[in-house]
Amino acid sequence: MYIQELCDRYGIKSRKSLYTRLNGLGIKLGKKNNKSYATEEQVALLDQQNEHIKQGGSIDNFEPVKIAEVTVHNTATEQNGNTDISSLVETQLHSTQLEVTPQLLTDIVEAVSHAIASKMTPVDPLWYLGRLEAARASGWELTTSQVQDLIGVKPSCKKGKKTFKRGSFIFVKSGKIGNQTSWKVMKEADESYQV
């Protein structure tokens, strides 16, 4: 998959943002017809990273789920009502014969779902508030797409204004970052809040 296709796939507006993600994964793109491209394995890692970012994670704290070449056997062991995934999936080939049954497919899906669910942490619905507080306290300027990722809507100002308000946060237009508007994050003064 070429650079522009990757940007479109992940809703990334700039190549720099894509390369930041690639560097976070330690991925070097190959060249084909003098164009950079990602292999299927690299795209799979980028997909995992993108999902992590959508759930509030950052590039720095992303840990990919190892994807191994697997062989599925047609027998599963049941212990206390749970299917043991180690009997379903192994990393070495022991048999060239595989009889795929509906029950086997159900067992595999359940075992893999359980394994993935046990690795995931629940999403905190207020995670974005901490990110906005950090941006405000540090004086960081955020791009329009970063603000949109955090608050769920694209910030826009009324004609003649330079601010956008969402909840107790105020976003002030402050210039450009690349081809996007940059926004300073501010907060309404606590004493001005009336019940």
N, C-alpha and C. Protein backbone atom coordinates (compact mmCIF):
# COMPACT_ATOMS: atom_id res chain seq x y z
N MET A 1 0.85 -1.17 0.00
CA MET A 1 0.00 0.00 0.00
C MET A 1 0.90 1.24 0.00
N TYR A 2 0.61 2.16 -0.90
CA TYR A 2 1.44 3.36 -1.05
C TYR A 2 1.07 4.42 0.00
N ILE A 3 1.93 5.44 0.12
CA ILE A 3 1.80 6.48 1.14
C ILE A 3 0.41 7.12 1.16
N GLN A 4 -0.07 7.59 0.01
CA GLN A 4 -1.36 8.26 -0.02
C GLN A 4 -2.48 7.32 0.40
N GLU A 5 -2.39 6.05 0.01
CA GLU A 5 -3.40 5.07 0.41
C GLU A 5 -3.38 4.88 1.93
N LEU A 6 -2.19 4.88 2.53
CA LEU A 6 -2.07 4.75 3.98
C LEU A 6 -2.68 5.97 4.68
N CYS A 7 -2.37 7.15 4.17
CA CYS A 7 -2.93 8.38 4.76
C CYS A 7 -4.46 8.35 4.69
N ASP A 8 -5.00 7.94 3.55
CA ASP A 8 -6.45 7.85 3.40
C ASP A 8 -7.03 6.80 4.34
N ARG A 9 -6.37 5.66 4.46
CA ARG A 9 -6.85 4.56 5.30
C ARG A 9 -6.99 4.97 6.76
N TYR A 10 -6.03 5.78 7.24
CA TYR A 10 -6.03 6.16 8.65
C TYR A 10 -6.52 7.59 8.90
N GLY A 11 -7.00 8.25 7.86
CA GLY A 11 -7.52 9.61 8.02
C GLY A 11 -6.45 10.60 8.42
N ILE A 12 -5.23 10.37 7.95
CA ILE A 12 -4.10 11.24 8.28
C ILE A 12 -3.96 12.27 7.16
N LYS A 13 -3.82 13.53 7.54
CA LYS A 13 -3.77 14.61 6.56
C LYS A 13 -2.36 14.87 6.04
N SER A 14 -1.32 14.55 6.82
CA SER A 14 0.04 14.87 6.39
C SER A 14 0.93 13.63 6.39
N ARG A 15 1.88 13.64 5.49
CA ARG A 15 2.86 12.55 5.42
C ARG A 15 3.70 12.52 6.69
N LYS A 16 3.96 13.68 7.27
CA LYS A 16 4.76 13.77 8.48
C LYS A 16 4.10 12.97 9.61
N SER A 17 2.79 13.09 9.74
CA SER A 17 2.07 12.33 10.76
C SER A 17 2.19 10.83 10.52
N LEU A 18 2.10 10.44 9.25
CA LEU A 18 2.25 9.02 8.91
C LEU A 18 3.64 8.54 9.26
N TYR A 19 4.66 9.32 8.92
CA TYR A 19 6.03 8.91 9.22
C TYR A 19 6.29 8.88 10.72
N THR A 20 5.61 9.72 11.49
CA THR A 20 5.73 9.66 12.95
C THR A 20 5.20 8.31 13.44
N ARG A 21 4.07 7.88 12.89
CA ARG A 21 3.52 6.57 13.26
C ARG A 21 4.46 5.45 12.83
N LEU A 22 5.00 5.54 11.62
CA LEU A 22 5.91 4.50 11.12
C LEU A 22 7.16 4.42 12.00
N ASN A 23 7.72 5.57 12.37
CA ASN A 23 8.90 5.59 13.23
C ASN A 23 8.61 4.99 14.59
N GLY A 24 7.40 5.24 15.11
CA GLY A 24 7.00 4.65 16.39
C GLY A 24 6.98 3.14 16.35
N LEU A 25 6.73 2.58 15.18
CA LEU A 25 6.71 1.13 15.00
C LEU A 25 8.05 0.59 14.52
N GLY A 26 8.99 1.48 14.20
CA GLY A 26 10.28 1.05 13.67
C GLY A 26 10.18 0.49 12.25
N ILE A 27 9.20 0.99 11.49
CA ILE A 27 8.95 0.48 10.14
C ILE A 27 9.70 1.33 9.12
N LYS A 28 10.42 0.66 8.23
CA LYS A 28 11.04 1.30 7.07
C LYS A 28 10.26 0.82 5.85
N LEU A 29 9.74 1.76 5.08
CA LEU A 29 8.97 1.40 3.89
C LEU A 29 9.90 0.97 2.76
N GLY A 30 9.41 0.04 1.94
CA GLY A 30 10.15 -0.38 0.76
C GLY A 30 9.86 0.57 -0.40
N LYS A 31 10.54 0.34 -1.51
CA LYS A 31 10.33 1.17 -2.70
C LYS A 31 9.90 0.27 -3.86
N LYS A 32 8.91 0.75 -4.60
CA LYS A 32 8.45 0.06 -5.79
C LYS A 32 8.11 1.15 -6.81
N ASN A 33 8.69 1.06 -8.00
CA ASN A 33 8.48 2.08 -9.03
C ASN A 33 8.78 3.48 -8.49
N ASN A 34 9.83 3.57 -7.68
CA ASN A 34 10.29 4.83 -7.09
C ASN A 34 9.26 5.45 -6.13
N LYS A 35 8.34 4.63 -5.60
CA LYS A 35 7.35 5.08 -4.62
C LYS A 35 7.48 4.23 -3.37
N SER A 36 7.33 4.86 -2.20
CA SER A 36 7.38 4.13 -0.94
C SER A 36 6.09 3.37 -0.74
N TYR A 37 6.20 2.15 -0.20
CA TYR A 37 5.01 1.35 0.05
C TYR A 37 5.20 0.51 1.31
N ALA A 38 4.08 0.09 1.88
CA ALA A 38 4.07 -0.76 3.08
C ALA A 38 3.62 -2.16 2.68
N THR A 39 4.24 -3.17 3.30
CA THR A 39 3.85 -4.56 3.06
C THR A 39 2.58 -4.88 3.85
N GLU A 40 2.00 -6.05 3.59
CA GLU A 40 0.79 -6.46 4.32
C GLU A 40 1.05 -6.53 5.82
N GLU A 41 2.23 -7.05 6.20
CA GLU A 41 2.58 -7.15 7.63
C GLU A 41 2.68 -5.77 8.27
N GLN A 42 3.28 -4.82 7.53
CA GLN A 42 3.40 -3.46 8.05
C GLN A 42 2.03 -2.79 8.17
N VAL A 43 1.16 -3.03 7.21
CA VAL A 43 -0.20 -2.48 7.26
C VAL A 43 -0.94 -3.07 8.46
N ALA A 44 -0.75 -4.37 8.73
CA ALA A 44 -1.40 -4.99 9.89
C ALA A 44 -0.95 -4.33 11.18
N LEU A 45 0.34 -4.01 11.30
CA LEU A 45 0.84 -3.31 12.49
C LEU A 45 0.27 -1.90 12.57
N LEU A 46 0.22 -1.22 11.43
CA LEU A 46 -0.35 0.13 11.40
C LEU A 46 -1.83 0.11 11.78
N ASP A 47 -2.55 -0.93 11.34
CA ASP A 47 -3.97 -1.08 11.71
C ASP A 47 -4.11 -1.20 13.22
N GLN A 48 -3.26 -2.02 13.84
CA GLN A 48 -3.30 -2.19 15.30
C GLN A 48 -3.01 -0.86 16.00
N GLN A 49 -1.97 -0.18 15.51
CA GLN A 49 -1.58 1.10 16.11
C GLN A 49 -2.71 2.12 15.96
N ASN A 50 -3.36 2.17 14.79
CA ASN A 50 -4.44 3.10 14.55
C ASN A 50 -5.61 2.85 15.51
N GLU A 51 -5.94 1.59 15.71
CA GLU A 51 -7.02 1.24 16.65
C GLU A 51 -6.66 1.68 18.06
N HIS A 52 -5.39 1.48 18.43
CA HIS A 52 -4.89 1.90 19.75
C HIS A 52 -5.04 3.42 19.92
N ILE A 53 -4.68 4.18 18.89
CA ILE A 53 -4.77 5.63 18.94
C ILE A 53 -6.23 6.07 19.02
N LYS A 54 -7.12 5.41 18.26
CA LYS A 54 -8.55 5.73 18.30
C LYS A 54 -9.13 5.54 19.70
N GLN A 55 -8.58 4.58 20.44
CA GLN A 55 -9.08 4.29 21.78
C GLN A 55 -8.41 5.15 22.84
N GLY A 56 -7.66 6.16 22.41
CA GLY A 56 -7.09 7.10 23.36
C GLY A 56 -5.63 6.85 23.68
N GLY A 57 -5.03 5.85 23.09
CA GLY A 57 -3.62 5.58 23.34
C GLY A 57 -2.74 6.52 22.54
N SER A 58 -1.44 6.44 22.79
CA SER A 58 -0.49 7.26 22.05
C SER A 58 0.48 6.37 21.30
N ILE A 59 1.23 6.97 20.43
CA ILE A 59 2.23 6.22 19.66
C ILE A 59 3.27 5.63 20.61
N ASP A 60 3.64 6.39 21.65
CA ASP A 60 4.68 5.94 22.57
C ASP A 60 4.28 4.75 23.43
N ASN A 61 2.99 4.63 23.79
CA ASN A 61 2.61 3.53 24.67
C ASN A 61 1.95 2.36 23.94
N PHE A 62 2.09 2.34 22.63
CA PHE A 62 1.51 1.24 21.84
C PHE A 62 2.42 0.02 21.87
N GLU A 63 1.82 -1.13 22.15
CA GLU A 63 2.52 -2.41 22.10
C GLU A 63 1.74 -3.32 21.16
N PRO A 64 2.35 -3.68 20.03
CA PRO A 64 1.61 -4.51 19.07
C PRO A 64 1.35 -5.91 19.59
N VAL A 65 0.22 -6.47 19.16
CA VAL A 65 -0.09 -7.86 19.47
C VAL A 65 0.68 -8.69 18.47
N LYS A 66 1.46 -9.63 18.98
CA LYS A 66 2.27 -10.46 18.09
C LYS A 66 1.36 -11.35 17.25
N ILE A 67 1.60 -11.33 15.95
CA ILE A 67 0.83 -12.17 15.03
C ILE A 67 1.77 -13.27 14.57
N ALA A 68 1.42 -14.49 14.87
CA ALA A 68 2.28 -15.62 14.52
C ALA A 68 1.61 -16.45 13.43
N GLU A 69 2.44 -17.16 12.71
CA GLU A 69 1.90 -18.10 11.74
C GLU A 69 1.35 -19.26 12.55
N VAL A 70 0.12 -19.64 12.28
CA VAL A 70 -0.53 -20.64 13.13
C VAL A 70 -1.02 -21.83 12.33
N THR A 71 -1.14 -22.93 13.04
CA THR A 71 -1.76 -24.13 12.51
C THR A 71 -2.89 -24.47 13.45
N VAL A 72 -4.06 -24.72 12.91
CA VAL A 72 -5.22 -25.02 13.73
C VAL A 72 -5.48 -26.51 13.70
N HIS A 73 -5.69 -27.08 14.88
CA HIS A 73 -6.00 -28.50 14.99
C HIS A 73 -7.49 -28.67 15.22
N ASN A 74 -8.00 -29.82 14.88
CA ASN A 74 -9.44 -30.01 14.96
C ASN A 74 -9.90 -30.57 16.30
N THR A 75 -9.05 -30.55 17.29
CA THR A 75 -9.47 -30.99 18.61
C THR A 75 -9.24 -29.87 19.60
N ALA A 76 -10.15 -29.73 20.52
CA ALA A 76 -10.03 -28.72 21.56
C ALA A 76 -10.31 -29.36 22.89
N THR A 77 -9.64 -28.90 23.91
CA THR A 77 -9.90 -29.42 25.24
C THR A 77 -10.76 -28.44 26.00
N GLU A 78 -11.65 -28.97 26.78
CA GLU A 78 -12.52 -28.12 27.60
C GLU A 78 -12.08 -28.26 29.04
N GLN A 79 -11.85 -27.13 29.71
CA GLN A 79 -11.53 -27.12 31.12
C GLN A 79 -12.43 -26.10 31.79
N ASN A 80 -13.23 -26.56 32.72
CA ASN A 80 -14.18 -25.69 33.43
C ASN A 80 -15.06 -24.90 32.47
N GLY A 81 -15.46 -25.51 31.38
CA GLY A 81 -16.35 -24.85 30.43
C GLY A 81 -15.67 -23.91 29.47
N ASN A 82 -14.35 -23.70 29.60
CA ASN A 82 -13.62 -22.80 28.70
C ASN A 82 -12.76 -23.61 27.75
N THR A 83 -12.74 -23.19 26.51
CA THR A 83 -11.90 -23.86 25.53
C THR A 83 -10.47 -23.37 25.70
N ASP A 84 -9.52 -24.29 25.76
CA ASP A 84 -8.11 -23.95 25.92
C ASP A 84 -7.54 -23.57 24.56
N ILE A 85 -7.15 -22.30 24.41
CA ILE A 85 -6.66 -21.82 23.12
C ILE A 85 -5.38 -22.51 22.70
N SER A 86 -4.56 -22.96 23.66
CA SER A 86 -3.30 -23.59 23.29
C SER A 86 -3.52 -24.90 22.54
N SER A 87 -4.66 -25.53 22.77
CA SER A 87 -4.93 -26.76 22.03
C SER A 87 -5.50 -26.46 20.64
N LEU A 88 -6.00 -25.24 20.46
CA LEU A 88 -6.57 -24.87 19.17
C LEU A 88 -5.52 -24.31 18.22
N VAL A 89 -4.63 -23.52 18.76
CA VAL A 89 -3.69 -22.80 17.93
C VAL A 89 -2.27 -23.10 18.40
N GLU A 90 -1.44 -23.53 17.50
CA GLU A 90 -0.04 -23.78 17.81
C GLU A 90 0.82 -23.16 16.73
N THR A 91 2.07 -22.86 17.05
CA THR A 91 2.93 -22.19 16.09
C THR A 91 3.73 -23.16 15.23
N GLN A 92 3.64 -24.44 15.48
CA GLN A 92 4.36 -25.40 14.64
C GLN A 92 3.38 -26.36 14.00
N LEU A 93 3.73 -26.82 12.82
CA LEU A 93 2.88 -27.71 12.06
C LEU A 93 3.03 -29.13 12.60
N HIS A 94 1.92 -29.74 13.07
CA HIS A 94 1.95 -31.11 13.56
C HIS A 94 1.16 -32.04 12.65
N SER A 95 0.27 -31.48 11.88
CA SER A 95 -0.58 -32.32 11.05
C SER A 95 -0.87 -31.60 9.75
N THR A 96 -0.85 -32.34 8.66
CA THR A 96 -1.17 -31.71 7.39
C THR A 96 -2.65 -31.85 7.08
N GLN A 97 -3.36 -32.69 7.83
CA GLN A 97 -4.79 -32.92 7.63
C GLN A 97 -5.57 -32.03 8.60
N LEU A 98 -6.54 -31.33 8.11
CA LEU A 98 -7.37 -30.50 8.97
C LEU A 98 -8.81 -30.62 8.51
N GLU A 99 -9.63 -31.06 9.41
CA GLU A 99 -11.06 -31.14 9.11
C GLU A 99 -11.73 -29.94 9.76
N VAL A 100 -12.21 -29.02 8.95
CA VAL A 100 -12.83 -27.81 9.46
C VAL A 100 -14.32 -28.08 9.65
N THR A 101 -14.75 -27.92 10.89
CA THR A 101 -16.16 -28.11 11.21
C THR A 101 -16.71 -26.81 11.76
N PRO A 102 -18.01 -26.63 11.73
CA PRO A 102 -18.59 -25.41 12.31
C PRO A 102 -18.23 -25.25 13.79
N GLN A 103 -18.18 -26.37 14.51
CA GLN A 103 -17.83 -26.30 15.94
C GLN A 103 -16.39 -25.84 16.12
N LEU A 104 -15.49 -26.31 15.26
CA LEU A 104 -14.09 -25.90 15.33
C LEU A 104 -13.98 -24.39 15.11
N LEU A 105 -14.67 -23.88 14.10
CA LEU A 105 -14.62 -22.45 13.82
C LEU A 105 -15.17 -21.65 14.99
N THR A 106 -16.26 -22.11 15.59
CA THR A 106 -16.83 -21.44 16.76
C THR A 106 -15.84 -21.43 17.91
N ASP A 107 -15.20 -22.58 18.15
CA ASP A 107 -14.20 -22.68 19.23
C ASP A 107 -13.04 -21.73 19.01
N ILE A 108 -12.58 -21.63 17.76
CA ILE A 108 -11.46 -20.74 17.44
C ILE A 108 -11.84 -19.29 17.68
N VAL A 109 -13.00 -18.89 17.17
CA VAL A 109 -13.44 -17.51 17.33
C VAL A 109 -13.58 -17.16 18.81
N GLU A 110 -14.20 -18.05 19.59
CA GLU A 110 -14.37 -17.79 21.02
C GLU A 110 -13.03 -17.70 21.74
N ALA A 111 -12.10 -18.61 21.41
CA ALA A 111 -10.80 -18.62 22.08
C ALA A 111 -10.00 -17.37 21.73
N VAL A 112 -10.00 -16.98 20.47
CA VAL A 112 -9.26 -15.79 20.05
C VAL A 112 -9.90 -14.54 20.64
N SER A 113 -11.23 -14.46 20.64
CA SER A 113 -11.93 -13.32 21.23
C SER A 113 -11.60 -13.17 22.71
N HIS A 114 -11.60 -14.29 23.41
CA HIS A 114 -11.28 -14.27 24.84
C HIS A 114 -9.84 -13.81 25.06
N ALA A 115 -8.91 -14.29 24.24
CA ALA A 115 -7.50 -13.90 24.38
C ALA A 115 -7.31 -12.42 24.12
N ILE A 116 -7.98 -11.88 23.09
CA ILE A 116 -7.86 -10.46 22.78
C ILE A 116 -8.52 -9.62 23.87
N ALA A 117 -9.69 -10.02 24.31
CA ALA A 117 -10.41 -9.26 25.34
C ALA A 117 -9.61 -9.18 26.63
N SER A 118 -8.89 -10.24 26.97
CA SER A 118 -8.12 -10.25 28.21
C SER A 118 -6.94 -9.29 28.14
N LYS A 119 -6.50 -8.94 26.93
CA LYS A 119 -5.36 -8.03 26.75
C LYS A 119 -5.80 -6.57 26.68
N MET A 120 -7.08 -6.33 26.42
CA MET A 120 -7.56 -4.97 26.25
C MET A 120 -7.95 -4.35 27.58
N THR A 121 -7.74 -3.06 27.69
CA THR A 121 -8.19 -2.33 28.86
C THR A 121 -9.45 -1.57 28.49
N PRO A 122 -10.36 -1.41 29.43
CA PRO A 122 -11.58 -0.68 29.10
C PRO A 122 -11.27 0.78 28.75
N VAL A 123 -12.04 1.33 27.84
CA VAL A 123 -11.83 2.70 27.41
C VAL A 123 -12.50 3.64 28.41
N ASP A 124 -11.73 4.61 28.88
CA ASP A 124 -12.24 5.61 29.81
C ASP A 124 -12.95 6.69 29.00
N PRO A 125 -14.25 6.91 29.24
CA PRO A 125 -14.98 7.90 28.43
C PRO A 125 -14.51 9.33 28.66
N LEU A 126 -13.73 9.57 29.70
CA LEU A 126 -13.26 10.92 29.99
C LEU A 126 -11.78 11.10 29.70
N TRP A 127 -11.17 10.17 28.97
CA TRP A 127 -9.73 10.22 28.70
C TRP A 127 -9.31 11.53 28.04
N TYR A 128 -10.16 12.04 27.17
CA TYR A 128 -9.80 13.23 26.40
C TYR A 128 -9.64 14.47 27.28
N LEU A 129 -10.34 14.51 28.43
CA LEU A 129 -10.24 15.67 29.31
C LEU A 129 -8.83 15.82 29.86
N GLY A 130 -8.21 14.70 30.20
CA GLY A 130 -6.83 14.73 30.67
C GLY A 130 -5.88 15.23 29.60
N ARG A 131 -6.13 14.81 28.37
CA ARG A 131 -5.29 15.25 27.24
C ARG A 131 -5.45 16.76 27.02
N LEU A 132 -6.69 17.26 27.11
CA LEU A 132 -6.91 18.69 26.93
C LEU A 132 -6.28 19.49 28.08
N GLU A 133 -6.39 18.98 29.31
CA GLU A 133 -5.75 19.64 30.46
C GLU A 133 -4.24 19.71 30.27
N ALA A 134 -3.66 18.62 29.79
CA ALA A 134 -2.20 18.58 29.57
C ALA A 134 -1.80 19.59 28.50
N ALA A 135 -2.59 19.67 27.42
CA ALA A 135 -2.29 20.63 26.35
C ALA A 135 -2.40 22.06 26.87
N ARG A 136 -3.41 22.31 27.68
CA ARG A 136 -3.61 23.66 28.25
C ARG A 136 -2.46 24.01 29.19
N ALA A 137 -2.12 23.10 30.10
CA ALA A 137 -1.08 23.36 31.09
C ALA A 137 0.29 23.53 30.44
N SER A 138 0.54 22.81 29.37
CA SER A 138 1.84 22.87 28.71
C SER A 138 1.92 23.95 27.65
N GLY A 139 0.79 24.55 27.31
CA GLY A 139 0.78 25.58 26.29
C GLY A 139 0.93 25.03 24.88
N TRP A 140 0.61 23.76 24.70
CA TRP A 140 0.73 23.13 23.39
C TRP A 140 -0.34 23.67 22.45
N GLU A 141 0.02 23.73 21.19
CA GLU A 141 -0.94 24.08 20.16
C GLU A 141 -1.31 22.79 19.43
N LEU A 142 -2.58 22.58 19.23
CA LEU A 142 -3.07 21.37 18.57
C LEU A 142 -3.61 21.71 17.19
N THR A 143 -3.49 20.77 16.27
CA THR A 143 -4.05 20.96 14.94
C THR A 143 -5.56 20.74 15.00
N THR A 144 -6.25 21.16 13.96
CA THR A 144 -7.69 20.96 13.88
C THR A 144 -8.04 19.48 14.00
N SER A 145 -7.29 18.62 13.30
CA SER A 145 -7.61 17.19 13.36
C SER A 145 -7.33 16.60 14.74
N GLN A 146 -6.31 17.10 15.44
CA GLN A 146 -6.05 16.62 16.80
C GLN A 146 -7.18 17.01 17.74
N VAL A 147 -7.64 18.25 17.62
CA VAL A 147 -8.78 18.69 18.45
C VAL A 147 -10.01 17.85 18.12
N GLN A 148 -10.25 17.61 16.84
CA GLN A 148 -11.40 16.82 16.43
C GLN A 148 -11.31 15.40 16.99
N ASP A 149 -10.11 14.80 16.96
CA ASP A 149 -9.93 13.45 17.52
C ASP A 149 -10.24 13.43 19.02
N LEU A 150 -9.90 14.51 19.71
CA LEU A 150 -10.12 14.56 21.15
C LEU A 150 -11.58 14.82 21.52
N ILE A 151 -12.20 15.80 20.88
CA ILE A 151 -13.55 16.19 21.32
C ILE A 151 -14.67 15.63 20.46
N GLY A 152 -14.31 15.03 19.32
CA GLY A 152 -15.32 14.38 18.49
C GLY A 152 -16.00 15.26 17.47
N VAL A 153 -15.69 16.56 17.46
CA VAL A 153 -16.23 17.47 16.45
C VAL A 153 -15.12 18.37 15.95
N LYS A 154 -15.26 18.82 14.72
CA LYS A 154 -14.27 19.72 14.13
C LYS A 154 -14.51 21.13 14.67
N PRO A 155 -13.48 21.75 15.26
CA PRO A 155 -13.68 23.10 15.78
C PRO A 155 -13.85 24.10 14.64
N SER A 156 -14.80 25.00 14.80
CA SER A 156 -14.99 26.06 13.81
C SER A 156 -15.50 27.30 14.55
N CYS A 157 -15.09 28.43 14.05
CA CYS A 157 -15.46 29.70 14.69
C CYS A 157 -16.57 30.38 13.91
N LYS A 158 -17.39 31.12 14.64
CA LYS A 158 -18.40 31.94 13.98
C LYS A 158 -17.68 33.08 13.26
N LYS A 159 -18.33 33.61 12.25
CA LYS A 159 -17.74 34.66 11.44
C LYS A 159 -17.27 35.82 12.32
N GLY A 160 -16.02 36.22 12.10
CA GLY A 160 -15.44 37.34 12.84
C GLY A 160 -14.89 36.96 14.21
N LYS A 161 -15.01 35.70 14.62
CA LYS A 161 -14.53 35.25 15.93
C LYS A 161 -13.29 34.38 15.75
N LYS A 162 -12.50 34.24 16.82
CA LYS A 162 -11.30 33.39 16.78
C LYS A 162 -11.35 32.29 17.82
N THR A 163 -12.55 32.05 18.40
CA THR A 163 -12.65 31.03 19.45
C THR A 163 -13.78 30.05 19.15
N PHE A 164 -13.60 28.86 19.69
CA PHE A 164 -14.60 27.79 19.61
C PHE A 164 -14.72 27.22 21.02
N LYS A 165 -15.93 27.09 21.52
CA LYS A 165 -16.14 26.61 22.88
C LYS A 165 -16.77 25.23 22.84
N ARG A 166 -16.27 24.35 23.67
CA ARG A 166 -16.84 23.00 23.81
C ARG A 166 -16.72 22.62 25.28
N GLY A 167 -17.87 22.49 25.95
CA GLY A 167 -17.84 22.21 27.38
C GLY A 167 -17.20 23.38 28.10
N SER A 168 -16.26 23.09 28.99
CA SER A 168 -15.58 24.17 29.72
C SER A 168 -14.27 24.57 29.05
N PHE A 169 -13.99 24.01 27.87
CA PHE A 169 -12.77 24.33 27.15
C PHE A 169 -13.05 25.33 26.03
N ILE A 170 -12.09 26.22 25.85
CA ILE A 170 -12.16 27.21 24.77
C ILE A 170 -10.94 26.99 23.90
N PHE A 171 -11.15 26.90 22.60
CA PHE A 171 -10.09 26.70 21.64
C PHE A 171 -9.91 27.99 20.86
N VAL A 172 -8.68 28.53 20.90
CA VAL A 172 -8.40 29.82 20.29
C VAL A 172 -7.49 29.60 19.08
N LYS A 173 -7.92 30.12 17.91
CA LYS A 173 -7.09 30.03 16.71
C LYS A 173 -5.78 30.77 16.98
N SER A 174 -4.66 30.10 16.65
CA SER A 174 -3.38 30.73 16.95
C SER A 174 -2.39 30.68 15.80
N GLY A 175 -2.80 30.22 14.65
CA GLY A 175 -1.88 30.18 13.52
C GLY A 175 -2.08 28.93 12.70
N LYS A 176 -0.95 28.40 12.20
CA LYS A 176 -0.98 27.21 11.35
C LYS A 176 0.07 26.21 11.83
N ILE A 177 -0.25 24.94 11.68
CA ILE A 177 0.71 23.85 11.82
C ILE A 177 0.56 23.06 10.53
N GLY A 178 1.56 23.15 9.67
CA GLY A 178 1.43 22.54 8.36
C GLY A 178 0.32 23.22 7.59
N ASN A 179 -0.61 22.43 7.08
CA ASN A 179 -1.71 23.01 6.32
C ASN A 179 -2.98 23.14 7.17
N GLN A 180 -2.85 22.94 8.48
CA GLN A 180 -4.03 22.99 9.35
C GLN A 180 -3.95 24.19 10.29
N THR A 181 -5.11 24.62 10.74
CA THR A 181 -5.19 25.67 11.76
C THR A 181 -4.68 25.10 13.07
N SER A 182 -3.93 25.91 13.82
CA SER A 182 -3.52 25.48 15.16
C SER A 182 -4.40 26.16 16.20
N TRP A 183 -4.61 25.46 17.31
CA TRP A 183 -5.51 25.93 18.36
C TRP A 183 -4.82 25.88 19.72
N LYS A 184 -4.92 26.96 20.48
CA LYS A 184 -4.49 26.96 21.88
C LYS A 184 -5.67 26.51 22.71
N VAL A 185 -5.40 25.68 23.70
CA VAL A 185 -6.46 25.17 24.56
C VAL A 185 -6.51 26.03 25.82
N MET A 186 -7.69 26.56 26.12
CA MET A 186 -7.88 27.37 27.32
C MET A 186 -9.12 26.84 28.05
N LYS A 187 -9.31 27.32 29.26
CA LYS A 187 -10.44 26.88 30.05
C LYS A 187 -11.14 28.10 30.65
N GLU A 188 -12.46 28.00 30.75
CA GLU A 188 -13.19 29.09 31.39
C GLU A 188 -12.72 29.20 32.83
N ALA A 189 -12.65 30.43 33.31
CA ALA A 189 -12.26 30.63 34.71
C ALA A 189 -13.29 30.00 35.62
N ASP A 190 -12.83 29.23 36.61
CA ASP A 190 -13.74 28.52 37.49
C ASP A 190 -14.68 29.45 38.24
N GLU A 191 -14.19 30.64 38.65
CA GLU A 191 -15.04 31.55 39.43
C GLU A 191 -16.12 32.19 38.57
N SER A 192 -15.98 32.17 37.23
CA SER A 192 -17.02 32.76 36.39
C SER A 192 -18.17 31.80 36.14
N TYR A 193 -18.04 30.56 36.62
CA TYR A 193 -19.09 29.57 36.41
C TYR A 193 -20.19 29.78 37.42
N GLN A 194 -21.41 29.94 36.97
CA GLN A 194 -22.57 30.16 37.83
C GLN A 194 -23.48 28.94 37.80
N VAL A 195 -23.98 28.50 38.94
CA VAL A 195 -24.89 27.37 39.01
C VAL A 195 -26.30 27.84 38.77
